[in-house]
N, C-alpha and C. Protein backbone atom coordinates (compact mmCIF):
# COMPACT_ATOMS: atom_id res chain seq x y z
N MET A 1 -2.45 8.92 5.40
CA MET A 1 -3.65 8.38 5.99
C MET A 1 -3.69 6.88 5.72
N LEU A 2 -3.92 6.11 6.75
CA LEU A 2 -4.01 4.66 6.66
C LEU A 2 -5.46 4.23 6.82
N THR A 3 -5.96 3.46 5.85
CA THR A 3 -7.29 2.88 5.92
C THR A 3 -7.16 1.40 5.65
N ILE A 4 -7.80 0.59 6.47
CA ILE A 4 -7.77 -0.86 6.30
C ILE A 4 -9.20 -1.31 6.03
N ARG A 5 -9.37 -2.06 4.97
CA ARG A 5 -10.70 -2.57 4.62
C ARG A 5 -10.64 -4.09 4.52
N LYS A 6 -11.75 -4.71 4.85
CA LYS A 6 -11.86 -6.15 4.67
C LYS A 6 -13.30 -6.47 4.26
N THR A 7 -13.47 -7.64 3.66
CA THR A 7 -14.78 -8.06 3.19
C THR A 7 -15.32 -9.14 4.12
N ILE A 8 -16.55 -8.91 4.58
CA ILE A 8 -17.25 -9.89 5.42
C ILE A 8 -18.65 -10.05 4.84
N ALA A 9 -19.00 -11.27 4.51
CA ALA A 9 -20.33 -11.58 3.95
C ALA A 9 -20.70 -10.65 2.81
N ASP A 10 -19.80 -10.52 1.83
CA ASP A 10 -20.01 -9.71 0.63
C ASP A 10 -20.15 -8.21 0.90
N LYS A 11 -19.74 -7.75 2.06
CA LYS A 11 -19.75 -6.31 2.37
C LYS A 11 -18.34 -5.89 2.75
N THR A 12 -17.93 -4.74 2.26
CA THR A 12 -16.62 -4.20 2.60
C THR A 12 -16.78 -3.26 3.78
N ILE A 13 -15.99 -3.51 4.81
CA ILE A 13 -16.05 -2.68 6.01
C ILE A 13 -14.67 -2.10 6.31
N ILE A 14 -14.65 -1.02 7.05
CA ILE A 14 -13.39 -0.45 7.52
C ILE A 14 -13.01 -1.14 8.80
N SER A 15 -11.75 -1.54 8.90
CA SER A 15 -11.26 -2.27 10.05
C SER A 15 -10.15 -1.48 10.73
N GLU A 16 -9.93 -1.76 11.97
CA GLU A 16 -8.84 -1.12 12.72
C GLU A 16 -7.59 -1.99 12.74
N SER A 17 -7.73 -3.27 12.35
CA SER A 17 -6.59 -4.18 12.48
C SER A 17 -6.15 -4.73 11.13
N LEU A 18 -4.85 -4.96 11.03
CA LEU A 18 -4.28 -5.60 9.85
C LEU A 18 -4.45 -7.10 10.01
N GLU A 19 -5.07 -7.73 9.04
CA GLU A 19 -5.25 -9.16 9.09
C GLU A 19 -5.24 -9.74 7.69
N LYS A 20 -5.15 -11.05 7.61
CA LYS A 20 -5.10 -11.74 6.33
C LYS A 20 -6.29 -11.34 5.46
N GLY A 21 -6.01 -11.03 4.20
CA GLY A 21 -7.05 -10.67 3.25
C GLY A 21 -7.47 -9.21 3.28
N ALA A 22 -6.82 -8.41 4.12
CA ALA A 22 -7.19 -6.99 4.23
C ALA A 22 -6.61 -6.19 3.06
N TRP A 23 -7.31 -5.12 2.72
CA TRP A 23 -6.84 -4.15 1.74
C TRP A 23 -6.28 -2.98 2.54
N ILE A 24 -5.01 -2.69 2.33
CA ILE A 24 -4.34 -1.61 3.06
C ILE A 24 -4.19 -0.43 2.11
N ASN A 25 -4.78 0.68 2.46
CA ASN A 25 -4.74 1.88 1.62
C ASN A 25 -3.96 2.97 2.35
N LEU A 26 -2.86 3.42 1.74
CA LEU A 26 -2.05 4.49 2.32
C LEU A 26 -2.04 5.68 1.37
N ILE A 27 -2.44 6.84 1.89
CA ILE A 27 -2.39 8.08 1.12
C ILE A 27 -1.60 9.09 1.94
N SER A 28 -0.52 9.59 1.37
CA SER A 28 0.38 10.51 2.08
C SER A 28 0.63 10.03 3.51
N PRO A 29 1.15 8.81 3.64
CA PRO A 29 1.28 8.22 4.98
C PRO A 29 2.36 8.89 5.82
N THR A 30 2.14 8.85 7.12
CA THR A 30 3.16 9.32 8.06
C THR A 30 4.20 8.21 8.21
N GLU A 31 5.33 8.57 8.76
CA GLU A 31 6.38 7.58 9.01
C GLU A 31 5.86 6.49 9.96
N GLU A 32 5.07 6.89 10.92
CA GLU A 32 4.49 5.94 11.89
C GLU A 32 3.58 4.93 11.18
N GLU A 33 2.76 5.39 10.23
CA GLU A 33 1.87 4.49 9.49
C GLU A 33 2.67 3.53 8.62
N ILE A 34 3.72 4.04 7.98
CA ILE A 34 4.57 3.18 7.15
C ILE A 34 5.21 2.09 8.01
N ASN A 35 5.75 2.49 9.15
CA ASN A 35 6.38 1.52 10.05
C ASN A 35 5.39 0.49 10.56
N LYS A 36 4.17 0.92 10.87
CA LYS A 36 3.14 0.00 11.36
C LYS A 36 2.82 -1.06 10.31
N VAL A 37 2.60 -0.62 9.08
CA VAL A 37 2.26 -1.55 8.00
C VAL A 37 3.44 -2.47 7.71
N ALA A 38 4.65 -1.92 7.66
CA ALA A 38 5.83 -2.73 7.38
C ALA A 38 6.00 -3.81 8.46
N GLU A 39 5.85 -3.41 9.70
CA GLU A 39 6.06 -4.34 10.81
C GLU A 39 4.93 -5.36 10.93
N GLN A 40 3.70 -4.91 10.93
CA GLN A 40 2.58 -5.82 11.20
C GLN A 40 2.19 -6.67 9.99
N ALA A 41 2.33 -6.13 8.78
CA ALA A 41 1.96 -6.90 7.59
C ALA A 41 3.15 -7.60 6.96
N GLY A 42 4.37 -7.22 7.39
CA GLY A 42 5.56 -7.86 6.85
C GLY A 42 5.93 -7.39 5.46
N ILE A 43 5.47 -6.20 5.08
CA ILE A 43 5.79 -5.64 3.77
C ILE A 43 7.13 -4.91 3.88
N PHE A 44 7.96 -5.06 2.86
CA PHE A 44 9.26 -4.40 2.88
C PHE A 44 9.08 -2.89 3.01
N TYR A 45 9.81 -2.30 3.93
CA TYR A 45 9.75 -0.86 4.19
C TYR A 45 10.00 -0.07 2.90
N ASP A 46 11.02 -0.44 2.15
CA ASP A 46 11.35 0.29 0.92
C ASP A 46 10.20 0.23 -0.09
N PHE A 47 9.51 -0.90 -0.17
CA PHE A 47 8.37 -1.02 -1.08
C PHE A 47 7.30 0.02 -0.73
N LEU A 48 7.12 0.28 0.56
CA LEU A 48 6.11 1.25 0.99
C LEU A 48 6.55 2.69 0.72
N LYS A 49 7.85 2.93 0.67
CA LYS A 49 8.37 4.28 0.46
C LYS A 49 8.47 4.68 -1.01
N TYR A 50 8.65 3.71 -1.90
CA TYR A 50 8.87 4.02 -3.32
C TYR A 50 7.85 4.99 -3.93
N PRO A 51 6.54 4.77 -3.76
CA PRO A 51 5.59 5.64 -4.47
C PRO A 51 5.51 7.06 -3.92
N LEU A 52 6.19 7.35 -2.82
CA LEU A 52 6.18 8.71 -2.27
C LEU A 52 7.05 9.65 -3.09
N ASP A 53 7.85 9.08 -3.97
CA ASP A 53 8.69 9.86 -4.88
C ASP A 53 7.89 10.09 -6.17
N ASP A 54 7.54 11.34 -6.44
CA ASP A 54 6.75 11.67 -7.64
C ASP A 54 7.42 11.23 -8.94
N GLU A 55 8.74 11.08 -8.91
CA GLU A 55 9.48 10.71 -10.11
C GLU A 55 9.70 9.20 -10.22
N GLU A 56 9.05 8.43 -9.37
CA GLU A 56 9.22 6.97 -9.39
C GLU A 56 8.76 6.42 -10.73
N ARG A 57 9.55 5.50 -11.27
CA ARG A 57 9.27 4.92 -12.59
C ARG A 57 8.38 3.69 -12.48
N PRO A 58 7.48 3.50 -13.44
CA PRO A 58 6.65 2.28 -13.44
C PRO A 58 7.54 1.05 -13.59
N ARG A 59 7.19 0.01 -12.84
CA ARG A 59 7.97 -1.22 -12.92
C ARG A 59 7.29 -2.32 -12.10
N VAL A 60 7.83 -3.52 -12.24
CA VAL A 60 7.42 -4.66 -11.43
C VAL A 60 8.69 -5.22 -10.80
N GLU A 61 8.62 -5.48 -9.49
CA GLU A 61 9.73 -6.11 -8.78
C GLU A 61 9.18 -7.29 -8.02
N ILE A 62 9.94 -8.35 -7.99
CA ILE A 62 9.57 -9.52 -7.18
C ILE A 62 10.73 -9.78 -6.23
N GLU A 63 10.41 -9.80 -4.96
CA GLU A 63 11.42 -10.07 -3.95
C GLU A 63 10.80 -10.99 -2.90
N ASP A 64 11.44 -12.12 -2.69
CA ASP A 64 10.93 -13.14 -1.77
C ASP A 64 9.48 -13.46 -2.13
N ASP A 65 8.55 -13.21 -1.22
CA ASP A 65 7.14 -13.54 -1.45
C ASP A 65 6.30 -12.30 -1.75
N GLN A 66 6.95 -11.19 -2.15
CA GLN A 66 6.24 -9.94 -2.39
C GLN A 66 6.40 -9.49 -3.84
N ILE A 67 5.28 -9.11 -4.44
CA ILE A 67 5.29 -8.59 -5.81
C ILE A 67 4.91 -7.12 -5.74
N LEU A 68 5.79 -6.27 -6.22
CA LEU A 68 5.57 -4.82 -6.24
C LEU A 68 5.28 -4.40 -7.68
N THR A 69 4.17 -3.68 -7.87
CA THR A 69 3.84 -3.13 -9.17
C THR A 69 3.62 -1.63 -8.99
N ILE A 70 4.33 -0.83 -9.76
CA ILE A 70 4.14 0.62 -9.74
C ILE A 70 3.73 1.05 -11.14
N ILE A 71 2.62 1.78 -11.21
CA ILE A 71 2.17 2.36 -12.48
C ILE A 71 1.95 3.85 -12.27
N ASN A 72 1.93 4.60 -13.35
CA ASN A 72 1.60 6.02 -13.27
C ASN A 72 0.13 6.20 -13.64
N ILE A 73 -0.57 6.98 -12.82
CA ILE A 73 -1.98 7.26 -13.11
C ILE A 73 -2.15 8.77 -13.34
N PRO A 74 -3.07 9.15 -14.21
CA PRO A 74 -3.26 10.58 -14.47
C PRO A 74 -4.04 11.28 -13.35
N VAL A 75 -3.65 12.50 -13.10
CA VAL A 75 -4.38 13.37 -12.16
C VAL A 75 -4.52 14.74 -12.83
N PHE A 76 -5.61 15.41 -12.53
CA PHE A 76 -5.86 16.71 -13.13
C PHE A 76 -5.55 17.80 -12.11
N ASP A 77 -4.70 18.74 -12.49
CA ASP A 77 -4.36 19.87 -11.63
C ASP A 77 -5.28 21.03 -12.04
N ARG A 78 -6.27 21.31 -11.20
CA ARG A 78 -7.26 22.34 -11.53
C ARG A 78 -6.67 23.74 -11.58
N GLN A 79 -5.67 24.02 -10.75
CA GLN A 79 -5.06 25.35 -10.74
C GLN A 79 -4.28 25.61 -12.02
N GLU A 80 -3.54 24.58 -12.46
CA GLU A 80 -2.72 24.74 -13.68
C GLU A 80 -3.49 24.38 -14.95
N ASN A 81 -4.64 23.70 -14.75
CA ASN A 81 -5.46 23.24 -15.86
C ASN A 81 -4.69 22.29 -16.79
N ILE A 82 -3.94 21.36 -16.14
CA ILE A 82 -3.17 20.37 -16.89
C ILE A 82 -3.28 19.01 -16.21
N TYR A 83 -2.97 17.99 -16.98
CA TYR A 83 -2.87 16.64 -16.41
C TYR A 83 -1.41 16.34 -16.10
N ASP A 84 -1.23 15.59 -15.05
CA ASP A 84 0.09 15.10 -14.66
C ASP A 84 -0.09 13.64 -14.28
N THR A 85 0.97 12.97 -13.92
CA THR A 85 0.84 11.60 -13.45
C THR A 85 1.50 11.46 -12.08
N ILE A 86 0.98 10.52 -11.31
CA ILE A 86 1.56 10.19 -10.01
C ILE A 86 1.68 8.67 -9.92
N PRO A 87 2.61 8.18 -9.11
CA PRO A 87 2.75 6.73 -8.98
C PRO A 87 1.64 6.11 -8.14
N LEU A 88 1.16 4.97 -8.59
CA LEU A 88 0.22 4.14 -7.83
C LEU A 88 0.91 2.80 -7.64
N GLU A 89 0.92 2.33 -6.40
CA GLU A 89 1.64 1.10 -6.09
C GLU A 89 0.66 0.02 -5.63
N ILE A 90 0.90 -1.18 -6.11
CA ILE A 90 0.13 -2.35 -5.66
C ILE A 90 1.15 -3.38 -5.20
N ILE A 91 0.97 -3.86 -3.97
CA ILE A 91 1.85 -4.91 -3.44
C ILE A 91 0.99 -6.13 -3.16
N ILE A 92 1.41 -7.23 -3.71
CA ILE A 92 0.73 -8.49 -3.48
C ILE A 92 1.73 -9.39 -2.76
N LEU A 93 1.26 -10.01 -1.68
CA LEU A 93 2.16 -10.91 -0.98
C LEU A 93 1.47 -12.20 -0.60
N ARG A 94 2.28 -13.22 -0.56
CA ARG A 94 1.80 -14.53 -0.14
C ARG A 94 1.90 -14.58 1.37
N PRO A 95 0.80 -14.77 2.08
CA PRO A 95 0.86 -14.77 3.54
C PRO A 95 1.73 -15.91 4.09
N ARG A 96 2.46 -15.59 5.12
CA ARG A 96 3.23 -16.57 5.87
C ARG A 96 2.54 -16.72 7.22
N PRO A 97 2.69 -17.85 7.87
CA PRO A 97 2.00 -18.05 9.16
C PRO A 97 2.30 -16.96 10.18
N SER A 98 3.51 -16.41 10.18
CA SER A 98 3.87 -15.40 11.19
C SER A 98 3.68 -13.97 10.70
N GLN A 99 3.14 -13.81 9.50
CA GLN A 99 3.10 -12.50 8.87
C GLN A 99 2.19 -11.50 9.58
N PHE A 100 1.04 -11.93 10.03
CA PHE A 100 0.11 -11.02 10.66
C PHE A 100 0.13 -11.25 12.16
N ASN A 101 0.89 -10.44 12.82
CA ASN A 101 1.04 -10.57 14.26
C ASN A 101 0.04 -9.65 14.94
N MET A 102 -1.02 -10.21 15.47
CA MET A 102 -2.08 -9.41 16.07
C MET A 102 -1.74 -8.97 17.50
N GLU A 103 -0.60 -9.41 18.00
CA GLU A 103 -0.21 -9.05 19.36
C GLU A 103 0.31 -7.62 19.44
N LYS A 104 0.76 -7.05 18.31
CA LYS A 104 1.41 -5.74 18.33
C LYS A 104 0.42 -4.64 18.25
């Protein structure tokens, strides 16, 4: 699921378009959503795929103008009555003039 949020006049709203300053939230994304974000926001495709692997290790990577941070966060499995961890990814990038192509 892809959700895009942006802040306007101190209020956070849901947006349909990727634009500078937007928060992009992907939860169990489809291949189409991953490709859309990679293409329109200029985020490395592999960076978007890494956290889909439950065994992904926490780390920080810097490549070109993108900073990838992966951490493990706890989740509670109600059926098993145990805690486990899943990867959470944060990507920070420095915008380039051509990065957000609103024509697509």
